[in-house]
PDB file of N, CA and C in Angstrom:
ATOM      1  N   LYS A   1       8.920  19.857  -0.805  1.00  0.00           N
ATOM      2  CA  LYS A   1       8.208  19.887   0.462  1.00  0.00           C
ATOM      3  C   LYS A   1       8.245  18.505   1.120  1.00  0.00           C
ATOM      4  N   PHE A   2       7.989  17.454   0.351  1.00  0.00           N
ATOM      5  CA  PHE A   2       7.980  16.101   0.899  1.00  0.00           C
ATOM      6  C   PHE A   2       9.337  15.768   1.511  1.00  0.00           C
ATOM      7  N   GLN A   3      10.406  16.088   0.805  1.00  0.00           N
ATOM      8  CA  GLN A   3      11.744  15.800   1.297  1.00  0.00           C
ATOM      9  C   GLN A   3      12.011  16.534   2.605  1.00  0.00           C
ATOM     10  N   ALA A   4      11.635  17.776   2.681  1.00  0.00           N
ATOM     11  CA  ALA A   4      11.859  18.556   3.892  1.00  0.00           C
ATOM     12  C   ALA A   4      11.058  17.997   5.064  1.00  0.00           C
ATOM     13  N   GLU A   5       9.820  17.594   4.808  1.00  0.00           N
ATOM     14  CA  GLU A   5       8.971  17.073   5.883  1.00  0.00           C
ATOM     15  C   GLU A   5       9.487  15.748   6.427  1.00  0.00           C
ATOM     16  N   MET A   6      10.020  14.918   5.562  1.00  0.00           N
ATOM     17  CA  MET A   6      10.425  13.583   5.984  1.00  0.00           C
ATOM     18  C   MET A   6      11.903  13.469   6.310  1.00  0.00           C
ATOM     19  N   ASN A   7      12.687  14.487   5.990  1.00  0.00           N
ATOM     20  CA  ASN A   7      14.127  14.429   6.206  1.00  0.00           C
ATOM     21  C   ASN A   7      14.693  13.152   5.593  1.00  0.00           C
ATOM     22  N   VAL A   8      14.414  12.954   4.304  1.00  0.00           N
ATOM     23  CA  VAL A   8      14.769  11.708   3.638  1.00  0.00           C
ATOM     24  C   VAL A   8      16.267  11.485   3.499  1.00  0.00           C
ATOM     25  N   GLY A   9      17.050  12.513   3.702  1.00  0.00           N
ATOM     26  CA  GLY A   9      18.492  12.341   3.654  1.00  0.00           C
ATOM     27  C   GLY A   9      19.038  11.701   4.922  1.00  0.00           C
ATOM     28  N   SER A  10      18.213  11.624   5.942  1.00  0.00           N
ATOM     29  CA  SER A  10      18.612  11.074   7.230  1.00  0.00           C
ATOM     30  C   SER A  10      18.856   9.572   7.135  1.00  0.00           C
ATOM     31  N   ALA A  11      19.786   9.100   7.916  1.00  0.00           N
ATOM     32  CA  ALA A  11      20.074   7.660   7.954  1.00  0.00           C
ATOM     33  C   ALA A  11      18.981   6.891   8.690  1.00  0.00           C
ATOM     34  N   ASP A  12      18.017   7.613   9.283  1.00  0.00           N
ATOM     35  CA  ASP A  12      16.939   6.953  10.014  1.00  0.00           C
ATOM     36  C   ASP A  12      16.032   6.130   9.103  1.00  0.00           C
ATOM     37  N   VAL A  13      15.934   6.522   7.831  1.00  0.00           N
ATOM     38  CA  VAL A  13      15.099   5.792   6.884  1.00  0.00           C
ATOM     39  C   VAL A  13      15.955   4.719   6.231  1.00  0.00           C
ATOM     40  N   ARG A  14      15.621   3.470   6.494  1.00  0.00           N
ATOM     41  CA  ARG A  14      16.370   2.340   5.942  1.00  0.00           C
ATOM     42  C   ARG A  14      15.603   1.776   4.738  1.00  0.00           C
ATOM     43  N   VAL A  15      16.133   2.018   3.559  1.00  0.00           N
ATOM     44  CA  VAL A  15      15.458   1.647   2.323  1.00  0.00           C
ATOM     45  C   VAL A  15      15.203   0.152   2.250  1.00  0.00           C
ATOM     46  N   ASN A  16      16.179  -0.638   2.635  1.00  0.00           N
ATOM     47  CA  ASN A  16      16.026  -2.089   2.553  1.00  0.00           C
ATOM     48  C   ASN A  16      14.846  -2.569   3.393  1.00  0.00           C
ATOM     49  N   GLN A  17      14.734  -2.093   4.620  1.00  0.00           N
ATOM     50  CA  GLN A  17      13.622  -2.486   5.483  1.00  0.00           C
ATOM     51  C   GLN A  17      12.296  -1.962   4.952  1.00  0.00           C
ATOM     52  N   LEU A  18      12.300  -0.745   4.460  1.00  0.00           N
ATOM     53  CA  LEU A  18      11.087  -0.159   3.904  1.00  0.00           C
ATOM     54  C   LEU A  18      10.615  -0.952   2.686  1.00  0.00           C
ATOM     55  N   GLN A  19      11.556  -1.333   1.821  1.00  0.00           N
ATOM     56  CA  GLN A  19      11.183  -2.121   0.649  1.00  0.00           C
ATOM     57  C   GLN A  19      10.676  -3.506   1.040  1.00  0.00           C
ATOM     58  N   GLN A  20      11.254  -4.119   2.048  1.00  0.00           N
ATOM     59  CA  GLN A  20      10.770  -5.424   2.511  1.00  0.00           C
ATOM     60  C   GLN A  20       9.343  -5.313   3.039  1.00  0.00           C
ATOM     61  N   LEU A  21       9.080  -4.277   3.801  1.00  0.00           N
ATOM     62  CA  LEU A  21       7.735  -4.053   4.319  1.00  0.00           C
ATOM     63  C   LEU A  21       6.741  -3.838   3.180  1.00  0.00           C
ATOM     64  N   LEU A  22       7.120  -3.023   2.220  1.00  0.00           N
ATOM     65  CA  LEU A  22       6.253  -2.771   1.075  1.00  0.00           C
ATOM     66  C   LEU A  22       6.034  -4.037   0.257  1.00  0.00           C
ATOM     67  N   GLN A  23       7.091  -4.802   0.064  1.00  0.00           N
ATOM     68  CA  GLN A  23       6.956  -6.037  -0.705  1.00  0.00           C
ATOM     69  C   GLN A  23       5.943  -6.960  -0.038  1.00  0.00           C
ATOM     70  N   GLY A  24       6.017  -7.097   1.261  1.00  0.00           N
ATOM     71  CA  GLY A  24       5.078  -7.947   1.979  1.00  0.00           C
ATOM     72  C   GLY A  24       3.659  -7.416   1.958  1.00  0.00           C
ATOM     73  N   SER A  25       3.504  -6.127   1.766  1.00  0.00           N
ATOM     74  CA  SER A  25       2.181  -5.513   1.785  1.00  0.00           C
ATOM     75  C   SER A  25       1.520  -5.438   0.413  1.00  0.00           C
ATOM     76  N   VAL A  26       2.295  -5.155  -0.624  1.00  0.00           N
ATOM     77  CA  VAL A  26       1.679  -4.889  -1.927  1.00  0.00           C
ATOM     78  C   VAL A  26       2.007  -5.894  -3.022  1.00  0.00           C
ATOM     79  N   VAL A  27       3.007  -6.744  -2.811  1.00  0.00           N
ATOM     80  CA  VAL A  27       3.376  -7.722  -3.837  1.00  0.00           C
ATOM     81  C   VAL A  27       2.821  -9.088  -3.431  1.00  0.00           C
ATOM     82  N   PRO A  28       1.833  -9.592  -4.173  1.00  0.00           N
ATOM     83  CA  PRO A  28       1.266 -10.888  -3.804  1.00  0.00           C
ATOM     84  C   PRO A  28       2.288 -12.004  -4.009  1.00  0.00           C
ATOM     85  N   MET A  29       2.546 -12.755  -2.973  1.00  0.00           N
ATOM     86  CA  MET A  29       3.508 -13.854  -3.059  1.00  0.00           C
ATOM     87  C   MET A  29       2.787 -15.166  -2.724  1.00  0.00           C
ATOM     88  N   VAL A  30       2.710 -15.470  -1.454  1.00  0.00           N
ATOM     89  CA  VAL A  30       2.112 -16.718  -1.007  1.00  0.00           C
ATOM     90  C   VAL A  30       0.589 -16.617  -0.984  1.00  0.00           C
ATOM     91  N   ASN A  31       0.075 -15.518  -0.464  1.00  0.00           N
ATOM     92  CA  ASN A  31      -1.373 -15.346  -0.412  1.00  0.00           C
ATOM     93  C   ASN A  31      -1.756 -14.052  -1.111  1.00  0.00           C
ATOM     94  N   GLU A  32      -3.015 -13.777  -1.169  1.00  0.00           N
ATOM     95  CA  GLU A  32      -3.486 -12.614  -1.910  1.00  0.00           C
ATOM     96  C   GLU A  32      -3.654 -11.378  -1.045  1.00  0.00           C
ATOM     97  N   GLY A  33      -3.439 -11.494   0.246  1.00  0.00           N
ATOM     98  CA  GLY A  33      -3.429 -10.360   1.146  1.00  0.00           C
ATOM     99  C   GLY A  33      -4.642  -9.459   1.085  1.00  0.00           C
ATOM    100  N   PRO A  34      -4.399  -8.160   0.911  1.00  0.00           N
ATOM    101  CA  PRO A  34      -5.483  -7.172   0.960  1.00  0.00           C
ATOM    102  C   PRO A  34      -6.590  -7.415  -0.084  1.00  0.00           C
ATOM    103  N   ILE A  35      -6.218  -7.897  -1.231  1.00  0.00           N
ATOM    104  CA  ILE A  35      -7.224  -8.144  -2.278  1.00  0.00           C
ATOM    105  C   ILE A  35      -8.188  -9.234  -1.823  1.00  0.00           C
ATOM    106  N   LYS A  36      -7.670 -10.275  -1.232  1.00  0.00           N
ATOM    107  CA  LYS A  36      -8.517 -11.369  -0.749  1.00  0.00           C
ATOM    108  C   LYS A  36      -9.410 -10.897   0.393  1.00  0.00           C
ATOM    109  N   ILE A  37      -8.885 -10.059   1.256  1.00  0.00           N
ATOM    110  CA  ILE A  37      -9.688  -9.510   2.353  1.00  0.00           C
ATOM    111  C   ILE A  37     -10.881  -8.753   1.792  1.00  0.00           C
ATOM    112  N   CYS A  38     -10.609  -7.906   0.813  1.00  0.00           N
ATOM    113  CA  CYS A  38     -11.703  -7.119   0.213  1.00  0.00           C
ATOM    114  C   CYS A  38     -12.700  -8.007  -0.517  1.00  0.00           C
ATOM    115  N   GLU A  39     -12.230  -8.990  -1.241  1.00  0.00           N
ATOM    116  CA  GLU A  39     -13.139  -9.903  -1.946  1.00  0.00           C
ATOM    117  C   GLU A  39     -14.020 -10.664  -0.954  1.00  0.00           C
ATOM    118  N   THR A  40     -13.436 -11.043   0.172  1.00  0.00           N
ATOM    119  CA  THR A  40     -14.143 -11.845   1.161  1.00  0.00           C
ATOM    120  C   THR A  40     -15.149 -11.045   1.972  1.00  0.00           C
ATOM    121  N   PHE A  41     -14.814  -9.829   2.330  1.00  0.00           N
ATOM    122  CA  PHE A  41     -15.661  -9.068   3.246  1.00  0.00           C
ATOM    123  C   PHE A  41     -16.303  -7.814   2.646  1.00  0.00           C
ATOM    124  N   LEU A  42     -15.708  -7.255   1.600  1.00  0.00           N
ATOM    125  CA  LEU A  42     -16.181  -5.966   1.104  1.00  0.00           C
ATOM    126  C   LEU A  42     -16.821  -6.015  -0.281  1.00  0.00           C
ATOM    127  N   ALA A  43     -16.899  -7.193  -0.866  1.00  0.00           N
ATOM    128  CA  ALA A  43     -17.625  -7.307  -2.130  1.00  0.00           C
ATOM    129  C   ALA A  43     -19.097  -7.032  -1.847  1.00  0.00           C
ATOM    130  N   LYS A  44     -19.766  -6.449  -2.803  1.00  0.00           N
ATOM    131  CA  LYS A  44     -21.156  -6.022  -2.611  1.00  0.00           C
ATOM    132  C   LYS A  44     -22.021  -7.148  -2.033  1.00  0.00           C
ATOM    133  N   GLU A  45     -21.914  -8.342  -2.588  1.00  0.00           N
ATOM    134  CA  GLU A  45     -22.736  -9.466  -2.127  1.00  0.00           C
ATOM    135  C   GLU A  45     -22.287 -10.021  -0.770  1.00  0.00           C
ATOM    136  N   GLU A  46     -21.036  -9.770  -0.385  1.00  0.00           N
ATOM    137  CA  GLU A  46     -20.509 -10.271   0.888  1.00  0.00           C
ATOM    138  C   GLU A  46     -20.810  -9.340   2.058  1.00  0.00           C
ATOM    139  N   ARG A  47     -20.918  -8.067   1.801  1.00  0.00           N
ATOM    140  CA  ARG A  47     -21.138  -7.071   2.854  1.00  0.00           C
ATOM    141  C   ARG A  47     -22.370  -7.373   3.690  1.00  0.00           C
ATOM    142  N   LYS A  48     -23.389  -7.925   3.075  1.00  0.00           N
ATOM    143  CA  LYS A  48     -24.658  -8.200   3.758  1.00  0.00           C
ATOM    144  C   LYS A  48     -24.529  -9.261   4.848  1.00  0.00           C
ATOM    145  N   LYS A  49     -23.478 -10.041   4.780  1.00  0.00           N
ATOM    146  CA  LYS A  49     -23.289 -11.148   5.727  1.00  0.00           C
ATOM    147  C   LYS A  49     -22.734 -10.695   7.079  1.00  0.00           C
ATOM    148  N   TYR A  50     -22.280  -9.453   7.155  1.00  0.00           N
ATOM    149  CA  TYR A  50     -21.578  -8.986   8.344  1.00  0.00           C
ATOM    150  C   TYR A  50     -22.206  -7.703   8.878  1.00  0.00           C
ATOM    151  N   PRO A  51     -22.011  -7.426  10.174  1.00  0.00           N
ATOM    152  CA  PRO A  51     -22.557  -6.191  10.752  1.00  0.00           C
ATOM    153  C   PRO A  51     -22.034  -4.950  10.016  1.00  0.00           C
ATOM    154  N   VAL A  52     -22.930  -4.033   9.767  1.00  0.00           N
ATOM    155  CA  VAL A  52     -22.614  -2.822   9.004  1.00  0.00           C
ATOM    156  C   VAL A  52     -21.437  -2.060   9.621  1.00  0.00           C
ATOM    157  N   GLU A  53     -21.417  -1.948  10.952  1.00  0.00           N
ATOM    158  CA  GLU A  53     -20.345  -1.198  11.612  1.00  0.00           C
ATOM    159  C   GLU A  53     -18.990  -1.827  11.346  1.00  0.00           C
ATOM    160  N   GLN A  54     -18.934  -3.157  11.389  1.00  0.00           N
ATOM    161  CA  GLN A  54     -17.668  -3.847  11.166  1.00  0.00           C
ATOM    162  C   GLN A  54     -17.217  -3.725   9.713  1.00  0.00           C
ATOM    163  N   VAL A  55     -18.155  -3.794   8.797  1.00  0.00           N
ATOM    164  CA  VAL A  55     -17.827  -3.636   7.379  1.00  0.00           C
ATOM    165  C   VAL A  55     -17.294  -2.225   7.136  1.00  0.00           C
ATOM    166  N   SER A  56     -17.954  -1.234   7.725  1.00  0.00           N
ATOM    167  CA  SER A  56     -17.512   0.158   7.577  1.00  0.00           C
ATOM    168  C   SER A  56     -16.125   0.363   8.168  1.00  0.00           C
ATOM    169  N   GLU A  57     -15.899  -0.224   9.324  1.00  0.00           N
ATOM    170  CA  GLU A  57     -14.592  -0.102   9.971  1.00  0.00           C
ATOM    171  C   GLU A  57     -13.498  -0.745   9.112  1.00  0.00           C
ATOM    172  N   LEU A  58     -13.769  -1.934   8.585  1.00  0.00           N
ATOM    173  CA  LEU A  58     -12.800  -2.609   7.726  1.00  0.00           C
ATOM    174  C   LEU A  58     -12.528  -1.782   6.471  1.00  0.00           C
ATOM    175  N   GLU A  59     -13.570  -1.233   5.893  1.00  0.00           N
ATOM    176  CA  GLU A  59     -13.425  -0.402   4.701  1.00  0.00           C
ATOM    177  C   GLU A  59     -12.515   0.800   4.992  1.00  0.00           C
ATOM    178  N   GLU A  60     -12.727   1.455   6.114  1.00  0.00           N
ATOM    179  CA  GLU A  60     -11.899   2.611   6.480  1.00  0.00           C
ATOM    180  C   GLU A  60     -10.448   2.199   6.725  1.00  0.00           C
ATOM    181  N   GLU A  61     -10.256   1.067   7.380  1.00  0.00           N
ATOM    182  CA  GLU A  61      -8.893   0.600   7.652  1.00  0.00           C
ATOM    183  C   GLU A  61      -8.178   0.212   6.361  1.00  0.00           C
ATOM    184  N   MET A  62      -8.901  -0.358   5.414  1.00  0.00           N
ATOM    185  CA  MET A  62      -8.297  -0.709   4.130  1.00  0.00           C
ATOM    186  C   MET A  62      -7.914   0.554   3.360  1.00  0.00           C
ATOM    187  N   LYS A  63      -8.727   1.598   3.462  1.00  0.00           N
ATOM    188  CA  LYS A  63      -8.386   2.881   2.831  1.00  0.00           C
ATOM    189  C   LYS A  63      -7.105   3.452   3.455  1.00  0.00           C
ATOM    190  N   LYS A  64      -7.010   3.365   4.773  1.00  0.00           N
ATOM    191  CA  LYS A  64      -5.804   3.838   5.457  1.00  0.00           C
ATOM    192  C   LYS A  64      -4.589   3.026   5.017  1.00  0.00           C
ATOM    193  N   PHE A  65      -4.781   1.715   4.884  1.00  0.00           N
ATOM    194  CA  PHE A  65      -3.700   0.829   4.454  1.00  0.00           C
ATOM    195  C   PHE A  65      -3.178   1.253   3.082  1.00  0.00           C
ATOM    196  N   ILE A  66      -4.082   1.500   2.144  1.00  0.00           N
ATOM    197  CA  ILE A  66      -3.678   1.922   0.802  1.00  0.00           C
ATOM    198  C   ILE A  66      -2.931   3.252   0.870  1.00  0.00           C
ATOM    199  N   ASN A  67      -3.452   4.189   1.632  1.00  0.00           N
ATOM    200  CA  ASN A  67      -2.795   5.493   1.766  1.00  0.00           C
ATOM    201  C   ASN A  67      -1.405   5.370   2.386  1.00  0.00           C
ATOM    202  N   ARG A  68      -1.276   4.539   3.391  1.00  0.00           N
ATOM    203  CA  ARG A  68       0.030   4.367   4.045  1.00  0.00           C
ATOM    204  C   ARG A  68       1.025   3.677   3.123  1.00  0.00           C
ATOM    205  N   CYS A  69       0.547   2.709   2.373  1.00  0.00           N
ATOM    206  CA  CYS A  69       1.436   2.056   1.401  1.00  0.00           C
ATOM    207  C   CYS A  69       1.887   3.065   0.346  1.00  0.00           C
ATOM    208  N   GLY A  70       0.964   3.900  -0.119  1.00  0.00           N
ATOM    209  CA  GLY A  70       1.312   4.928  -1.092  1.00  0.00           C
ATOM    210  C   GLY A  70       2.344   5.901  -0.541  1.00  0.00           C
ATOM    211  N   PHE A  71       2.158   6.280   0.710  1.00  0.00           N
ATOM    212  CA  PHE A  71       3.121   7.157   1.376  1.00  0.00           C
ATOM    213  C   PHE A  71       4.490   6.485   1.445  1.00  0.00           C
ATOM    214  N   ALA A  72       4.515   5.209   1.799  1.00  0.00           N
ATOM    215  CA  ALA A  72       5.782   4.476   1.919  1.00  0.00           C
ATOM    216  C   ALA A  72       6.472   4.338   0.562  1.00  0.00           C
ATOM    217  N   VAL A  73       5.698   4.125  -0.492  1.00  0.00           N
ATOM    218  CA  VAL A  73       6.277   4.049  -1.841  1.00  0.00           C
ATOM    219  C   VAL A  73       6.928   5.388  -2.192  1.00  0.00           C
ATOM    220  N   LYS A  74       6.223   6.489  -1.920  1.00  0.00           N
ATOM    221  CA  LYS A  74       6.783   7.820  -2.191  1.00  0.00           C
ATOM    222  C   LYS A  74       8.032   8.078  -1.352  1.00  0.00           C
ATOM    223  N   LEU A  75       7.974   7.683  -0.094  1.00  0.00           N
ATOM    224  CA  LEU A  75       9.121   7.870   0.793  1.00  0.00           C
ATOM    225  C   LEU A  75      10.331   7.108   0.265  1.00  0.00           C
ATOM    226  N   ALA A  76      10.140   5.849  -0.071  1.00  0.00           N
ATOM    227  CA  ALA A  76      11.252   5.042  -0.585  1.00  0.00           C
ATOM    228  C   ALA A  76      11.811   5.649  -1.873  1.00  0.00           C
ATOM    229  N   ASN A  77      10.924   6.075  -2.767  1.00  0.00           N
ATOM    230  CA  ASN A  77      11.382   6.711  -4.009  1.00  0.00           C
ATOM    231  C   ASN A  77      12.244   7.931  -3.712  1.00  0.00           C
ATOM    232  N   GLN A  78      11.782   8.752  -2.783  1.00  0.00           N
ATOM    233  CA  GLN A  78      12.502   9.985  -2.451  1.00  0.00           C
ATOM    234  C   GLN A  78      13.842   9.686  -1.807  1.00  0.00           C
ATOM    235  N   VAL A  79      13.880   8.714  -0.918  1.00  0.00           N
ATOM    236  CA  VAL A  79      15.137   8.353  -0.260  1.00  0.00           C
ATOM    237  C   VAL A  79      16.131   7.817  -1.284  1.00  0.00           C
ATOM    238  N   ILE A  80      15.666   6.946  -2.154  1.00  0.00           N
ATOM    239  CA  ILE A  80      16.538   6.361  -3.182  1.00  0.00           C
ATOM    240  C   ILE A  80      17.100   7.459  -4.082  1.00  0.00           C
ATOM    241  N   GLU A  81      16.237   8.382  -4.470  1.00  0.00           N
ATOM    242  CA  GLU A  81      16.674   9.483  -5.337  1.00  0.00           C
ATOM    243  C   GLU A  81      17.644  10.411  -4.616  1.00  0.00           C
ATOM    244  N   THR A  82      17.314  10.804  -3.397  1.00  0.00           N
ATOM    245  CA  THR A  82      18.139  11.743  -2.641  1.00  0.00           C
ATOM    246  C   THR A  82      19.528  11.175  -2.347  1.00  0.00           C
ATOM    247  N   ARG A  83      19.563   9.912  -1.977  1.00  0.00           N
ATOM    248  CA  ARG A  83      20.845   9.286  -1.625  1.00  0.00           C
ATOM    249  C   ARG A  83      21.538   8.652  -2.832  1.00  0.00           C
ATOM    250  N   GLN A  84      20.896   8.719  -3.974  1.00  0.00           N
ATOM    251  CA  GLN A  84      21.432   8.130  -5.207  1.00  0.00           C
ATOM    252  C   GLN A  84      21.774   6.653  -5.020  1.00  0.00           C
ATOM    253  N   LEU A  85      20.795   5.908  -4.527  1.00  0.00           N
ATOM    254  CA  LEU A  85      20.965   4.480  -4.260  1.00  0.00           C
ATOM    255  C   LEU A  85      20.501   3.667  -5.476  1.00  0.00           C
ATOM    256  N   ASP A  86      21.311   3.689  -6.507  1.00  0.00           N
ATOM    257  CA  ASP A  86      20.935   3.074  -7.778  1.00  0.00           C
ATOM    258  C   ASP A  86      20.629   1.578  -7.664  1.00  0.00           C
ATOM    259  N   GLU A  87      21.233   0.909  -6.706  1.00  0.00           N
ATOM    260  CA  GLU A  87      21.024  -0.536  -6.562  1.00  0.00           C
ATOM    261  C   GLU A  87      19.596  -0.885  -6.131  1.00  0.00           C
ATOM    262  N   TYR A  88      18.839   0.102  -5.654  1.00  0.00           N
ATOM    263  CA  TYR A  88      17.470  -0.137  -5.203  1.00  0.00           C
ATOM    264  C   TYR A  88      16.409   0.255  -6.240  1.00  0.00           C
ATOM    265  N   VAL A  89      16.816   0.902  -7.301  1.00  0.00           N
ATOM    266  CA  VAL A  89      15.871   1.490  -8.247  1.00  0.00           C
ATOM    267  C   VAL A  89      14.972   0.448  -8.915  1.00  0.00           C
ATOM    268  N   GLN A  90      15.539  -0.609  -9.464  1.00  0.00           N
ATOM    269  CA  GLN A  90      14.730  -1.619 -10.177  1.00  0.00           C
ATOM    270  C   GLN A  90      13.699  -2.265  -9.269  1.00  0.00           C
ATOM    271  N   PHE A  91      14.127  -2.659  -8.085  1.00  0.00           N
ATOM    272  CA  PHE A  91      13.218  -3.287  -7.142  1.00  0.00           C
ATOM    273  C   PHE A  91      12.113  -2.323  -6.742  1.00  0.00           C
ATOM    274  N   GLN A  92      12.477  -1.052  -6.555  1.00  0.00           N
ATOM    275  CA  GLN A  92      11.492  -0.048  -6.177  1.00  0.00           C
ATOM    276  C   GLN A  92      10.470   0.166  -7.292  1.00  0.00           C
ATOM    277  N   LYS A  93      10.922   0.136  -8.519  1.00  0.00           N
ATOM    278  CA  LYS A  93       9.992   0.273  -9.650  1.00  0.00           C
ATOM    279  C   LYS A  93       8.986  -0.870  -9.641  1.00  0.00           C
ATOM    280  N   MET A  94       9.451  -2.084  -9.363  1.00  0.00           N
ATOM    281  CA  MET A  94       8.570  -3.252  -9.292  1.00  0.00           C
ATOM    282  C   MET A  94       7.551  -3.079  -8.168  1.00  0.00           C
ATOM    283  N   ILE A  95       7.986  -2.587  -7.031  1.00  0.00           N
ATOM    284  CA  ILE A  95       7.079  -2.352  -5.903  1.00  0.00           C
ATOM    285  C   ILE A  95       6.030  -1.305  -6.278  1.00  0.00           C
ATOM    286  N   ALA A  96       6.446  -0.239  -6.919  1.00  0.00           N
ATOM    287  CA  ALA A  96       5.514   0.819  -7.323  1.00  0.00           C
ATOM    288  C   ALA A  96       4.469   0.288  -8.302  1.00  0.00           C
ATOM    289  N   VAL A  97       4.887  -0.558  -9.232  1.00  0.00           N
ATOM    290  CA  VAL A  97       3.943  -1.157 -10.190  1.00  0.00           C
ATOM    291  C   VAL A  97       2.923  -2.010  -9.449  1.00  0.00           C
ATOM    292  N   HIS A  98       3.378  -2.830  -8.522  1.00  0.00           N
ATOM    293  CA  HIS A  98       2.471  -3.690  -7.753  1.00  0.00           C
ATOM    294  C   HIS A  98       1.545  -2.864  -6.856  1.00  0.00           C
ATOM    295  N   TYR A  99       2.064  -1.793  -6.287  1.00  0.00           N
ATOM    296  CA  TYR A  99       1.214  -0.915  -5.473  1.00  0.00           C
ATOM    297  C   TYR A  99       0.075  -0.344  -6.324  1.00  0.00           C
ATOM    298  N   ASN A 100       0.415   0.150  -7.497  1.00  0.00           N
ATOM    299  CA  ASN A 100      -0.615   0.724  -8.369  1.00  0.00           C
ATOM    300  C   ASN A 100      -1.644  -0.318  -8.807  1.00  0.00           C
ATOM    301  N   LYS A 101      -1.192  -1.533  -9.089  1.00  0.00           N
ATOM    302  CA  LYS A 101      -2.120  -2.622  -9.448  1.00  0.00           C
ATOM    303  C   LYS A 101      -3.038  -2.950  -8.277  1.00  0.00           C
ATOM    304  N   MET A 102      -2.448  -3.037  -7.074  1.00  0.00           N
ATOM    305  CA  MET A 102      -3.246  -3.345  -5.895  1.00  0.00           C
ATOM    306  C   MET A 102      -4.286  -2.253  -5.655  1.00  0.00           C
ATOM    307  N   LYS A 103      -3.868  -1.011  -5.749  1.00  0.00           N
ATOM    308  CA  LYS A 103      -4.778   0.111  -5.530  1.00  0.00           C
ATOM    309  C   LYS A 103      -5.922   0.073  -6.540  1.00  0.00           C
ATOM    310  N   GLU A 104      -5.596  -0.208  -7.766  1.00  0.00           N
ATOM    311  CA  GLU A 104      -6.617  -0.297  -8.821  1.00  0.00           C
ATOM    312  C   GLU A 104      -7.616  -1.423  -8.537  1.00  0.00           C
ATOM    313  N   LYS A 105      -7.117  -2.560  -8.057  1.00  0.00           N
ATOM    314  CA  LYS A 105      -7.999  -3.698  -7.750  1.00  0.00           C
ATOM    315  C   LYS A 105      -8.851  -3.448  -6.507  1.00  0.00           C
ATOM    316  N   LEU A 106      -8.322  -2.699  -5.549  1.00  0.00           N
ATOM    317  CA  LEU A 106      -9.044  -2.472  -4.298  1.00  0.00           C
ATOM    318  C   LEU A 106     -10.056  -1.340  -4.377  1.00  0.00           C
ATOM    319  N   ASN A 107      -9.814  -0.359  -5.206  1.00  0.00           N
ATOM    320  CA  ASN A 107     -10.703   0.806  -5.279  1.00  0.00           C
ATOM    321  C   ASN A 107     -12.175   0.453  -5.468  1.00  0.00           C
ATOM    322  N   PRO A 108     -12.548  -0.487  -6.336  1.00  0.00           N
ATOM    323  CA  PRO A 108     -13.980  -0.799  -6.491  1.00  0.00           C
ATOM    324  C   PRO A 108     -14.621  -1.310  -5.195  1.00  0.00           C
ATOM    325  N   PHE A 109     -13.848  -1.959  -4.335  1.00  0.00           N
ATOM    326  CA  PHE A 109     -14.393  -2.460  -3.071  1.00  0.00           C
ATOM    327  C   PHE A 109     -14.551  -1.355  -2.039  1.00  0.00           C
ATOM    328  N   LEU A 110     -13.725  -0.322  -2.154  1.00  0.00           N
ATOM    329  CA  LEU A 110     -13.658   0.707  -1.122  1.00  0.00           C
ATOM    330  C   LEU A 110     -14.435   1.966  -1.452  1.00  0.00           C
ATOM    331  N   PHE A 111     -14.797   2.118  -2.687  1.00  0.00           N
ATOM    332  CA  PHE A 111     -15.512   3.319  -3.090  1.00  0.00           C
ATOM    333  C   PHE A 111     -16.776   2.929  -3.852  1.00  0.00           C
ATOM    334  N   GLN A 112     -17.566   2.062  -3.210  1.00  0.00           N
ATOM    335  CA  GLN A 112     -18.793   1.583  -3.818  1.00  0.00           C
ATOM    336  C   GLN A 112     -19.911   2.599  -3.633  1.00  0.00           C
ATOM    337  N   THR A 113     -20.748   2.648  -4.624  1.00  0.00           N
ATOM    338  CA  THR A 113     -21.965   3.458  -4.508  1.00  0.00           C
ATOM    339  C   THR A 113     -23.154   2.510  -4.603  1.00  0.00           C
ATOM    340  N   ASP A 114     -24.107   2.719  -3.737  1.00  0.00           N
ATOM    341  CA  ASP A 114     -25.281   1.825  -3.723  1.00  0.00           C
ATOM    342  C   ASP A 114     -26.310   2.211  -4.744  1.00  0.00           C
TER     343      ASP A 114
END
């Protein structure tokens, strides 16, 4: 179903560009990116410092970010598999590992219970 919906066999999906985007989003390099944002604004003790509406909005946007990154990881995996692009497999595995680590680190900030 996923393949049919996304037409992953199409040349419109460029694996190299998709992997670069994912690398910049989920693989910490120079800065800590989304994890630092959550630590700074969405940690339980930090939330009190900011307007509730803005904290809620940031929380929702971070959830969307995680979902979109997950979608992109699945898309890249499907494209690589469908087109048999073996040269991208190792790098994609590394991206998937980092995505899962990031998601695991962000979940406590995004699904807090009071």
